[in-house]
Amino acid sequence: GFCISRGLALKMSPWASLGNFISTAERVRLPDDCTIGY
């Protein structure tokens, strides 16, 4: 388990929202939790 503040989650948006998360993960070829750290 891990937690992320709303302030930080909003900054992640370009790489994480609306399907961007999947393309970010593919780009670095990493699982979900690693991609969050990336």
PDB file of all heavy atoms in Angstrom:
ATOM      1  N   GLY A   1       0.831  -1.203   0.000  1.00  0.00           N
ATOM      2  CA  GLY A   1       0.000   0.000   0.000  1.00  0.00           C
ATOM      3  C   GLY A   1       0.863   1.250   0.000  1.00  0.00           C
ATOM      4  O   GLY A   1       1.988   1.239   0.499  1.00  0.00           O
ATOM      5  N   PHE A   2       0.342   2.324  -0.580  1.00  0.00           N
ATOM      6  CA  PHE A   2       1.041   3.614  -0.554  1.00  0.00           C
ATOM      7  C   PHE A   2      -0.006   4.715  -0.683  1.00  0.00           C
ATOM      8  O   PHE A   2      -1.147   4.458  -1.076  1.00  0.00           O
ATOM      9  CB  PHE A   2       2.076   3.717  -1.683  1.00  0.00           C
ATOM     10  CG  PHE A   2       1.520   3.529  -3.074  1.00  0.00           C
ATOM     11  CD1 PHE A   2       0.877   4.565  -3.739  1.00  0.00           C
ATOM     12  CD2 PHE A   2       1.633   2.296  -3.722  1.00  0.00           C
ATOM     13  CE1 PHE A   2       0.357   4.386  -5.013  1.00  0.00           C
ATOM     14  CE2 PHE A   2       1.118   2.109  -5.002  1.00  0.00           C
ATOM     15  CZ  PHE A   2       0.479   3.162  -5.652  1.00  0.00           C
ATOM     16  N   CYS A   3       0.396   5.937  -0.322  1.00  0.00           N
ATOM     17  CA  CYS A   3      -0.520   7.081  -0.413  1.00  0.00           C
ATOM     18  C   CYS A   3       0.148   8.242  -1.135  1.00  0.00           C
ATOM     19  O   CYS A   3       1.360   8.436  -1.038  1.00  0.00           O
ATOM     20  CB  CYS A   3      -0.972   7.543   0.970  1.00  0.00           C
ATOM     21  SG  CYS A   3      -1.918   6.294   1.889  1.00  0.00           S
ATOM     22  N   ILE A   4      -0.682   8.995  -1.835  1.00  0.00           N
ATOM     23  CA  ILE A   4      -0.229  10.160  -2.602  1.00  0.00           C
ATOM     24  C   ILE A   4      -1.173  11.316  -2.300  1.00  0.00           C
ATOM     25  O   ILE A   4      -2.404  11.144  -2.311  1.00  0.00           O
ATOM     26  CB  ILE A   4      -0.251   9.844  -4.122  1.00  0.00           C
ATOM     27  CG1 ILE A   4       0.718   8.706  -4.452  1.00  0.00           C
ATOM     28  CG2 ILE A   4       0.068  11.081  -4.951  1.00  0.00           C
ATOM     29  CD1 ILE A   4       0.593   8.166  -5.879  1.00  0.00           C
ATOM     30  N   SER A   5      -0.596  12.499  -2.018  1.00  0.00           N
ATOM     31  CA  SER A   5      -1.419  13.670  -1.730  1.00  0.00           C
ATOM     32  C   SER A   5      -2.075  14.177  -3.009  1.00  0.00           C
ATOM     33  O   SER A   5      -1.557  13.957  -4.117  1.00  0.00           O
ATOM     34  CB  SER A   5      -0.553  14.783  -1.141  1.00  0.00           C
ATOM     35  OG  SER A   5       0.441  15.161  -2.096  1.00  0.00           O
ATOM     36  N   ARG A   6      -3.187  14.882  -2.853  1.00  0.00           N
ATOM     37  CA  ARG A   6      -3.879  15.430  -4.027  1.00  0.00           C
ATOM     38  C   ARG A   6      -2.964  16.403  -4.790  1.00  0.00           C
ATOM     39  O   ARG A   6      -2.927  16.398  -6.017  1.00  0.00           O
ATOM     40  CB  ARG A   6      -5.156  16.149  -3.606  1.00  0.00           C
ATOM     41  CG  ARG A   6      -5.940  16.671  -4.781  1.00  0.00           C
ATOM     42  CD  ARG A   6      -7.371  17.046  -4.449  1.00  0.00           C
ATOM     43  NE  ARG A   6      -8.122  17.068  -5.698  1.00  0.00           N
ATOM     44  CZ  ARG A   6      -8.700  16.024  -6.243  1.00  0.00           C
ATOM     45  NH1 ARG A   6      -8.634  14.845  -5.644  1.00  0.00           N
ATOM     46  NH2 ARG A   6      -9.340  16.129  -7.381  1.00  0.00           N
ATOM     47  N   GLY A   7      -2.209  17.211  -4.037  1.00  0.00           N
ATOM     48  CA  GLY A   7      -1.312  18.170  -4.683  1.00  0.00           C
ATOM     49  C   GLY A   7      -0.358  17.495  -5.645  1.00  0.00           C
ATOM     50  O   GLY A   7      -0.161  17.944  -6.779  1.00  0.00           O
ATOM     51  N   LEU A   8       0.219  16.372  -5.200  1.00  0.00           N
ATOM     52  CA  LEU A   8       1.162  15.629  -6.033  1.00  0.00           C
ATOM     53  C   LEU A   8       0.431  14.899  -7.166  1.00  0.00           C
ATOM     54  O   LEU A   8       0.901  14.854  -8.307  1.00  0.00           O
ATOM     55  CB  LEU A   8       1.955  14.638  -5.172  1.00  0.00           C
ATOM     56  CG  LEU A   8       2.992  13.774  -5.887  1.00  0.00           C
ATOM     57  CD1 LEU A   8       3.994  14.614  -6.669  1.00  0.00           C
ATOM     58  CD2 LEU A   8       3.720  12.876  -4.885  1.00  0.00           C
ATOM     59  N   ALA A   9      -0.725  14.321  -6.855  1.00  0.00           N
ATOM     60  CA  ALA A   9      -1.491  13.584  -7.873  1.00  0.00           C
ATOM     61  C   ALA A   9      -1.830  14.496  -9.056  1.00  0.00           C
ATOM     62  O   ALA A   9      -1.792  14.068 -10.216  1.00  0.00           O
ATOM     63  CB  ALA A   9      -2.768  13.010  -7.260  1.00  0.00           C
ATOM     64  N   LEU A  10      -2.139  15.751  -8.767  1.00  0.00           N
ATOM     65  CA  LEU A  10      -2.462  16.686  -9.846  1.00  0.00           C
ATOM     66  C   LEU A  10      -1.250  16.936 -10.741  1.00  0.00           C
ATOM     67  O   LEU A  10      -1.386  17.038 -11.964  1.00  0.00           O
ATOM     68  CB  LEU A  10      -2.981  18.013  -9.266  1.00  0.00           C
ATOM     69  CG  LEU A  10      -4.375  17.930  -8.625  1.00  0.00           C
ATOM     70  CD1 LEU A  10      -4.675  19.186  -7.821  1.00  0.00           C
ATOM     71  CD2 LEU A  10      -5.456  17.696  -9.683  1.00  0.00           C
ATOM     72  N   LYS A  11      -0.060  16.990 -10.137  1.00  0.00           N
ATOM     73  CA  LYS A  11       1.155  17.208 -10.932  1.00  0.00           C
ATOM     74  C   LYS A  11       1.480  15.997 -11.809  1.00  0.00           C
ATOM     75  O   LYS A  11       2.175  16.117 -12.815  1.00  0.00           O
ATOM     76  CB  LYS A  11       2.352  17.495 -10.009  1.00  0.00           C
ATOM     77  CG  LYS A  11       2.244  18.831  -9.296  1.00  0.00           C
ATOM     78  CD  LYS A  11       3.485  19.100  -8.479  1.00  0.00           C
ATOM     79  CE  LYS A  11       3.348  20.418  -7.737  1.00  0.00           C
ATOM     80  NZ  LYS A  11       4.485  20.647  -6.825  1.00  0.00           N
ATOM     81  N   MET A  12       0.993  14.818 -11.399  1.00  0.00           N
ATOM     82  CA  MET A  12       1.258  13.590 -12.167  1.00  0.00           C
ATOM     83  C   MET A  12       0.397  13.496 -13.427  1.00  0.00           C
ATOM     84  O   MET A  12       0.655  12.680 -14.312  1.00  0.00           O
ATOM     85  CB  MET A  12       0.939  12.359 -11.301  1.00  0.00           C
ATOM     86  CG  MET A  12       1.838  12.173 -10.107  1.00  0.00           C
ATOM     87  SD  MET A  12       1.133  10.924  -8.982  1.00  0.00           S
ATOM     88  CE  MET A  12       1.250   9.436 -10.008  1.00  0.00           C
ATOM     89  N   SER A  13      -0.632  14.313 -13.467  1.00  0.00           N
ATOM     90  CA  SER A  13      -1.658  14.213 -14.498  1.00  0.00           C
ATOM     91  C   SER A  13      -1.162  14.049 -15.939  1.00  0.00           C
ATOM     92  O   SER A  13      -1.661  13.182 -16.664  1.00  0.00           O
ATOM     93  CB  SER A  13      -2.595  15.419 -14.374  1.00  0.00           C
ATOM     94  OG  SER A  13      -3.539  15.390 -15.389  1.00  0.00           O
ATOM     95  N   PRO A  14      -0.150  14.813 -16.403  1.00  0.00           N
ATOM     96  CA  PRO A  14       0.278  14.636 -17.804  1.00  0.00           C
ATOM     97  C   PRO A  14       0.742  13.214 -18.133  1.00  0.00           C
ATOM     98  O   PRO A  14       0.642  12.782 -19.276  1.00  0.00           O
ATOM     99  CB  PRO A  14       1.451  15.622 -17.943  1.00  0.00           C
ATOM    100  CG  PRO A  14       1.293  16.596 -16.829  1.00  0.00           C
ATOM    101  CD  PRO A  14       0.583  15.886 -15.720  1.00  0.00           C
ATOM    102  N   TRP A  15       1.246  12.488 -17.130  1.00  0.00           N
ATOM    103  CA  TRP A  15       1.739  11.120 -17.370  1.00  0.00           C
ATOM    104  C   TRP A  15       0.793  10.053 -16.851  1.00  0.00           C
ATOM    105  O   TRP A  15       1.018   8.882 -17.069  1.00  0.00           O
ATOM    106  CB  TRP A  15       3.099  10.931 -16.688  1.00  0.00           C
ATOM    107  CG  TRP A  15       4.110  11.887 -17.197  1.00  0.00           C
ATOM    108  CD1 TRP A  15       4.833  11.793 -18.363  1.00  0.00           C
ATOM    109  CD2 TRP A  15       4.506  13.113 -16.580  1.00  0.00           C
ATOM    110  NE1 TRP A  15       5.646  12.889 -18.505  1.00  0.00           N
ATOM    111  CE2 TRP A  15       5.472  13.711 -17.429  1.00  0.00           C
ATOM    112  CE3 TRP A  15       4.135  13.770 -15.390  1.00  0.00           C
ATOM    113  CZ2 TRP A  15       6.066  14.937 -17.113  1.00  0.00           C
ATOM    114  CZ3 TRP A  15       4.738  14.991 -15.084  1.00  0.00           C
ATOM    115  CH2 TRP A  15       5.687  15.557 -15.938  1.00  0.00           C
ATOM    116  N   ALA A  16      -0.259  10.468 -16.105  1.00  0.00           N
ATOM    117  CA  ALA A  16      -1.075   9.470 -15.413  1.00  0.00           C
ATOM    118  C   ALA A  16      -2.558   9.500 -15.754  1.00  0.00           C
ATOM    119  O   ALA A  16      -3.231   8.490 -15.614  1.00  0.00           O
ATOM    120  CB  ALA A  16      -0.907   9.634 -13.897  1.00  0.00           C
ATOM    121  N   SER A  17      -3.087  10.641 -16.188  1.00  0.00           N
ATOM    122  CA  SER A  17      -4.542  10.687 -16.333  1.00  0.00           C
ATOM    123  C   SER A  17      -5.008  10.195 -17.698  1.00  0.00           C
ATOM    124  O   SER A  17      -4.256  10.231 -18.684  1.00  0.00           O
ATOM    125  CB  SER A  17      -5.055  12.098 -16.071  1.00  0.00           C
ATOM    126  OG  SER A  17      -4.577  12.965 -17.066  1.00  0.00           O
ATOM    127  N   LEU A  18      -6.246   9.742 -17.718  1.00  0.00           N
ATOM    128  CA  LEU A  18      -6.935   9.370 -18.950  1.00  0.00           C
ATOM    129  C   LEU A  18      -6.110   8.519 -19.906  1.00  0.00           C
ATOM    130  O   LEU A  18      -5.932   8.854 -21.078  1.00  0.00           O
ATOM    131  CB  LEU A  18      -7.407  10.641 -19.681  1.00  0.00           C
ATOM    132  CG  LEU A  18      -8.334  11.531 -18.830  1.00  0.00           C
ATOM    133  CD1 LEU A  18      -8.579  12.857 -19.508  1.00  0.00           C
ATOM    134  CD2 LEU A  18      -9.640  10.820 -18.522  1.00  0.00           C
ATOM    135  N   GLY A  19      -5.593   7.428 -19.393  1.00  0.00           N
ATOM    136  CA  GLY A  19      -4.886   6.490 -20.265  1.00  0.00           C
ATOM    137  C   GLY A  19      -3.417   6.813 -20.466  1.00  0.00           C
ATOM    138  O   GLY A  19      -2.662   5.991 -20.966  1.00  0.00           O
ATOM    139  N   ASN A  20      -2.990   8.025 -20.064  1.00  0.00           N
ATOM    140  CA  ASN A  20      -1.563   8.338 -20.197  1.00  0.00           C
ATOM    141  C   ASN A  20      -0.719   7.427 -19.319  1.00  0.00           C
ATOM    142  O   ASN A  20       0.439   7.163 -19.621  1.00  0.00           O
ATOM    143  CB  ASN A  20      -1.275   9.797 -19.806  1.00  0.00           C
ATOM    144  CG  ASN A  20      -1.849  10.762 -20.823  1.00  0.00           C
ATOM    145  OD1 ASN A  20      -1.873  10.472 -22.016  1.00  0.00           O
ATOM    146  ND2 ASN A  20      -2.335  11.890 -20.356  1.00  0.00           N
ATOM    147  N   PHE A  21      -1.314   6.960 -18.219  1.00  0.00           N
ATOM    148  CA  PHE A  21      -0.570   6.082 -17.318  1.00  0.00           C
ATOM    149  C   PHE A  21      -0.113   4.827 -18.054  1.00  0.00           C
ATOM    150  O   PHE A  21       1.013   4.370 -17.903  1.00  0.00           O
ATOM    151  CB  PHE A  21      -1.423   5.709 -16.099  1.00  0.00           C
ATOM    152  CG  PHE A  21      -0.663   4.955 -15.049  1.00  0.00           C
ATOM    153  CD1 PHE A  21       0.158   5.617 -14.152  1.00  0.00           C
ATOM    154  CD2 PHE A  21      -0.738   3.566 -14.967  1.00  0.00           C
ATOM    155  CE1 PHE A  21       0.891   4.929 -13.193  1.00  0.00           C
ATOM    156  CE2 PHE A  21      -0.006   2.865 -14.014  1.00  0.00           C
ATOM    157  CZ  PHE A  21       0.806   3.551 -13.126  1.00  0.00           C
ATOM    158  N   ILE A  22      -1.005   4.292 -18.873  1.00  0.00           N
ATOM    159  CA  ILE A  22      -0.697   3.060 -19.603  1.00  0.00           C
ATOM    160  C   ILE A  22       0.438   3.298 -20.596  1.00  0.00           C
ATOM    161  O   ILE A  22       1.368   2.495 -20.700  1.00  0.00           O
ATOM    162  CB  ILE A  22      -1.970   2.506 -20.288  1.00  0.00           C
ATOM    163  CG1 ILE A  22      -2.988   2.141 -19.194  1.00  0.00           C
ATOM    164  CG2 ILE A  22      -1.653   1.282 -21.145  1.00  0.00           C
ATOM    165  CD1 ILE A  22      -4.375   1.830 -19.676  1.00  0.00           C
ATOM    166  N   SER A  23       0.401   4.434 -21.290  1.00  0.00           N
ATOM    167  CA  SER A  23       1.494   4.693 -22.243  1.00  0.00           C
ATOM    168  C   SER A  23       2.808   4.996 -21.529  1.00  0.00           C
ATOM    169  O   SER A  23       3.876   4.614 -21.999  1.00  0.00           O
ATOM    170  CB  SER A  23       1.126   5.792 -23.243  1.00  0.00           C
ATOM    171  OG  SER A  23       0.351   6.785 -22.642  1.00  0.00           O
ATOM    172  N   THR A  24       2.729   5.648 -20.346  1.00  0.00           N
ATOM    173  CA  THR A  24       3.950   5.896 -19.565  1.00  0.00           C
ATOM    174  C   THR A  24       4.569   4.559 -19.140  1.00  0.00           C
ATOM    175  O   THR A  24       5.781   4.355 -19.260  1.00  0.00           O
ATOM    176  CB  THR A  24       3.646   6.741 -18.305  1.00  0.00           C
ATOM    177  OG1 THR A  24       3.010   7.952 -18.710  1.00  0.00           O
ATOM    178  CG2 THR A  24       4.918   7.071 -17.543  1.00  0.00           C
ATOM    179  N   ALA A  25       3.731   3.641 -18.654  1.00  0.00           N
ATOM    180  CA  ALA A  25       4.210   2.333 -18.202  1.00  0.00           C
ATOM    181  C   ALA A  25       4.838   1.551 -19.361  1.00  0.00           C
ATOM    182  O   ALA A  25       5.861   0.890 -19.200  1.00  0.00           O
ATOM    183  CB  ALA A  25       3.060   1.536 -17.595  1.00  0.00           C
ATOM    184  N   GLU A  26       4.241   1.651 -20.530  1.00  0.00           N
ATOM    185  CA  GLU A  26       4.766   0.955 -21.702  1.00  0.00           C
ATOM    186  C   GLU A  26       6.117   1.533 -22.109  1.00  0.00           C
ATOM    187  O   GLU A  26       7.026   0.819 -22.527  1.00  0.00           O
ATOM    188  CB  GLU A  26       3.787   1.057 -22.874  1.00  0.00           C
ATOM    189  CG  GLU A  26       2.646   0.062 -22.788  1.00  0.00           C
ATOM    190  CD  GLU A  26       3.128  -1.361 -22.525  1.00  0.00           C
ATOM    191  OE1 GLU A  26       3.902  -1.907 -23.349  1.00  0.00           O
ATOM    192  OE2 GLU A  26       2.758  -1.936 -21.486  1.00  0.00           O
ATOM    193  N   ARG A  27       6.229   2.847 -21.963  1.00  0.00           N
ATOM    194  CA  ARG A  27       7.454   3.524 -22.373  1.00  0.00           C
ATOM    195  C   ARG A  27       8.650   3.063 -21.540  1.00  0.00           C
ATOM    196  O   ARG A  27       9.745   2.915 -22.033  1.00  0.00           O
ATOM    197  CB  ARG A  27       7.246   5.030 -22.217  1.00  0.00           C
ATOM    198  CG  ARG A  27       8.174   5.856 -23.040  1.00  0.00           C
ATOM    199  CD  ARG A  27       7.772   7.305 -22.984  1.00  0.00           C
ATOM    200  NE  ARG A  27       8.335   7.966 -21.818  1.00  0.00           N
ATOM    201  CZ  ARG A  27       7.839   9.095 -21.312  1.00  0.00           C
ATOM    202  NH1 ARG A  27       6.760   9.632 -21.840  1.00  0.00           N
ATOM    203  NH2 ARG A  27       8.418   9.658 -20.286  1.00  0.00           N
ATOM    204  N   VAL A  28       8.412   2.844 -20.235  1.00  0.00           N
ATOM    205  CA  VAL A  28       9.529   2.409 -19.385  1.00  0.00           C
ATOM    206  C   VAL A  28       9.477   0.903 -19.120  1.00  0.00           C
ATOM    207  O   VAL A  28      10.332   0.351 -18.449  1.00  0.00           O
ATOM    208  CB  VAL A  28       9.579   3.194 -18.049  1.00  0.00           C
ATOM    209  CG1 VAL A  28      10.098   4.598 -18.278  1.00  0.00           C
ATOM    210  CG2 VAL A  28       8.234   3.231 -17.370  1.00  0.00           C
ATOM    211  N   ARG A  29       8.429   0.252 -19.656  1.00  0.00           N
ATOM    212  CA  ARG A  29       8.253  -1.210 -19.530  1.00  0.00           C
ATOM    213  C   ARG A  29       8.308  -1.687 -18.094  1.00  0.00           C
ATOM    214  O   ARG A  29       9.021  -2.632 -17.765  1.00  0.00           O
ATOM    215  CB  ARG A  29       9.300  -1.933 -20.401  1.00  0.00           C
ATOM    216  CG  ARG A  29       9.171  -1.456 -21.836  1.00  0.00           C
ATOM    217  CD  ARG A  29      10.055  -2.128 -22.815  1.00  0.00           C
ATOM    218  NE  ARG A  29       9.976  -1.375 -24.070  1.00  0.00           N
ATOM    219  CZ  ARG A  29      10.804  -1.532 -25.087  1.00  0.00           C
ATOM    220  NH1 ARG A  29      11.778  -2.402 -25.015  1.00  0.00           N
ATOM    221  NH2 ARG A  29      10.657  -0.813 -26.184  1.00  0.00           N
ATOM    222  N   LEU A  30       7.511  -1.019 -17.247  1.00  0.00           N
ATOM    223  CA  LEU A  30       7.501  -1.356 -15.822  1.00  0.00           C
ATOM    224  C   LEU A  30       6.093  -1.626 -15.334  1.00  0.00           C
ATOM    225  O   LEU A  30       5.126  -1.111 -15.898  1.00  0.00           O
ATOM    226  CB  LEU A  30       8.069  -0.180 -15.010  1.00  0.00           C
ATOM    227  CG  LEU A  30       9.562   0.098 -15.143  1.00  0.00           C
ATOM    228  CD1 LEU A  30       9.899   1.378 -14.417  1.00  0.00           C
ATOM    229  CD2 LEU A  30      10.372  -1.062 -14.584  1.00  0.00           C
ATOM    230  N   PRO A  31       5.962  -2.420 -14.247  1.00  0.00           N
ATOM    231  CA  PRO A  31       4.650  -2.655 -13.641  1.00  0.00           C
ATOM    232  C   PRO A  31       4.060  -1.379 -13.044  1.00  0.00           C
ATOM    233  O   PRO A  31       4.730  -0.341 -12.961  1.00  0.00           O
ATOM    234  CB  PRO A  31       4.926  -3.674 -12.539  1.00  0.00           C
ATOM    235  CG  PRO A  31       6.318  -4.127 -12.709  1.00  0.00           C
ATOM    236  CD  PRO A  31       7.027  -3.134 -13.553  1.00  0.00           C
ATOM    237  N   ASP A  32       2.815  -1.480 -12.588  1.00  0.00           N
ATOM    238  CA  ASP A  32       2.064  -0.316 -12.126  1.00  0.00           C
ATOM    239  C   ASP A  32       2.727   0.456 -10.979  1.00  0.00           C
ATOM    240  O   ASP A  32       2.875   1.674 -11.047  1.00  0.00           O
ATOM    241  CB  ASP A  32       0.633  -0.713 -11.746  1.00  0.00           C
ATOM    242  CG  ASP A  32       0.560  -1.879 -10.763  1.00  0.00           C
ATOM    243  OD1 ASP A  32       1.590  -2.543 -10.526  1.00  0.00           O
ATOM    244  OD2 ASP A  32      -0.529  -2.147 -10.233  1.00  0.00           O
ATOM    245  N   ASP A  33       3.151  -0.265  -9.912  1.00  0.00           N
ATOM    246  CA  ASP A  33       3.703   0.457  -8.760  1.00  0.00           C
ATOM    247  C   ASP A  33       5.055   1.098  -9.090  1.00  0.00           C
ATOM    248  O   ASP A  33       5.366   2.198  -8.613  1.00  0.00           O
ATOM    249  CB  ASP A  33       3.795  -0.441  -7.510  1.00  0.00           C
ATOM    250  CG  ASP A  33       4.478  -1.774  -7.755  1.00  0.00           C
ATOM    251  OD1 ASP A  33       4.911  -2.053  -8.901  1.00  0.00           O
ATOM    252  OD2 ASP A  33       4.584  -2.571  -6.795  1.00  0.00           O
ATOM    253  N   CYS A  34       5.843   0.436  -9.940  1.00  0.00           N
ATOM    254  CA  CYS A  34       7.126   1.020 -10.369  1.00  0.00           C
ATOM    255  C   CYS A  34       6.890   2.269 -11.207  1.00  0.00           C
ATOM    256  O   CYS A  34       7.634   3.255 -11.107  1.00  0.00           O
ATOM    257  CB  CYS A  34       7.929   0.041 -11.220  1.00  0.00           C
ATOM    258  SG  CYS A  34       8.290  -1.502 -10.405  1.00  0.00           S
ATOM    259  N   THR A  35       5.858   2.220 -12.035  1.00  0.00           N
ATOM    260  CA  THR A  35       5.563   3.367 -12.900  1.00  0.00           C
ATOM    261  C   THR A  35       5.165   4.591 -12.073  1.00  0.00           C
ATOM    262  O   THR A  35       5.544   5.720 -12.394  1.00  0.00           O
ATOM    263  CB  THR A  35       4.454   3.002 -13.916  1.00  0.00           C
ATOM    264  OG1 THR A  35       4.888   1.865 -14.678  1.00  0.00           O
ATOM    265  CG2 THR A  35       4.158   4.146 -14.860  1.00  0.00           C
ATOM    266  N   ILE A  36       4.426   4.354 -10.979  1.00  0.00           N
ATOM    267  CA  ILE A  36       4.076   5.458 -10.071  1.00  0.00           C
ATOM    268  C   ILE A  36       5.362   6.103  -9.544  1.00  0.00           C
ATOM    269  O   ILE A  36       5.516   7.321  -9.557  1.00  0.00           O
ATOM    270  CB  ILE A  36       3.212   4.942  -8.881  1.00  0.00           C
ATOM    271  CG1 ILE A  36       1.853   4.434  -9.378  1.00  0.00           C
ATOM    272  CG2 ILE A  36       3.080   5.999  -7.795  1.00  0.00           C
ATOM    273  CD1 ILE A  36       0.753   5.447  -9.504  1.00  0.00           C
ATOM    274  N   GLY A  37       6.306   5.265  -9.103  1.00  0.00           N
ATOM    275  CA  GLY A  37       7.583   5.772  -8.602  1.00  0.00           C
ATOM    276  C   GLY A  37       8.370   6.498  -9.676  1.00  0.00           C
ATOM    277  O   GLY A  37       9.010   7.522  -9.412  1.00  0.00           O
ATOM    278  N   TYR A  38       8.304   5.975 -10.897  1.00  0.00           N
ATOM    279  CA  TYR A  38       9.001   6.601 -12.024  1.00  0.00           C
ATOM    280  C   TYR A  38       8.460   8.014 -12.275  1.00  0.00           C
ATOM    281  O   TYR A  38       9.215   8.970 -12.432  1.00  0.00           O
ATOM    282  CB  TYR A  38       8.841   5.731 -13.278  1.00  0.00           C
ATOM    283  CG  TYR A  38       9.237   6.423 -14.558  1.00  0.00           C
ATOM    284  CD1 TYR A  38      10.574   6.717 -14.828  1.00  0.00           C
ATOM    285  CD2 TYR A  38       8.273   6.795 -15.496  1.00  0.00           C
ATOM    286  CE1 TYR A  38      10.947   7.357 -16.006  1.00  0.00           C
ATOM    287  CE2 TYR A  38       8.628   7.440 -16.674  1.00  0.00           C
ATOM    288  CZ  TYR A  38       9.961   7.722 -16.922  1.00  0.00           C
ATOM    289  OH  TYR A  38      10.321   8.370 -18.079  1.00  0.00           O
TER     290      TYR A  38
END
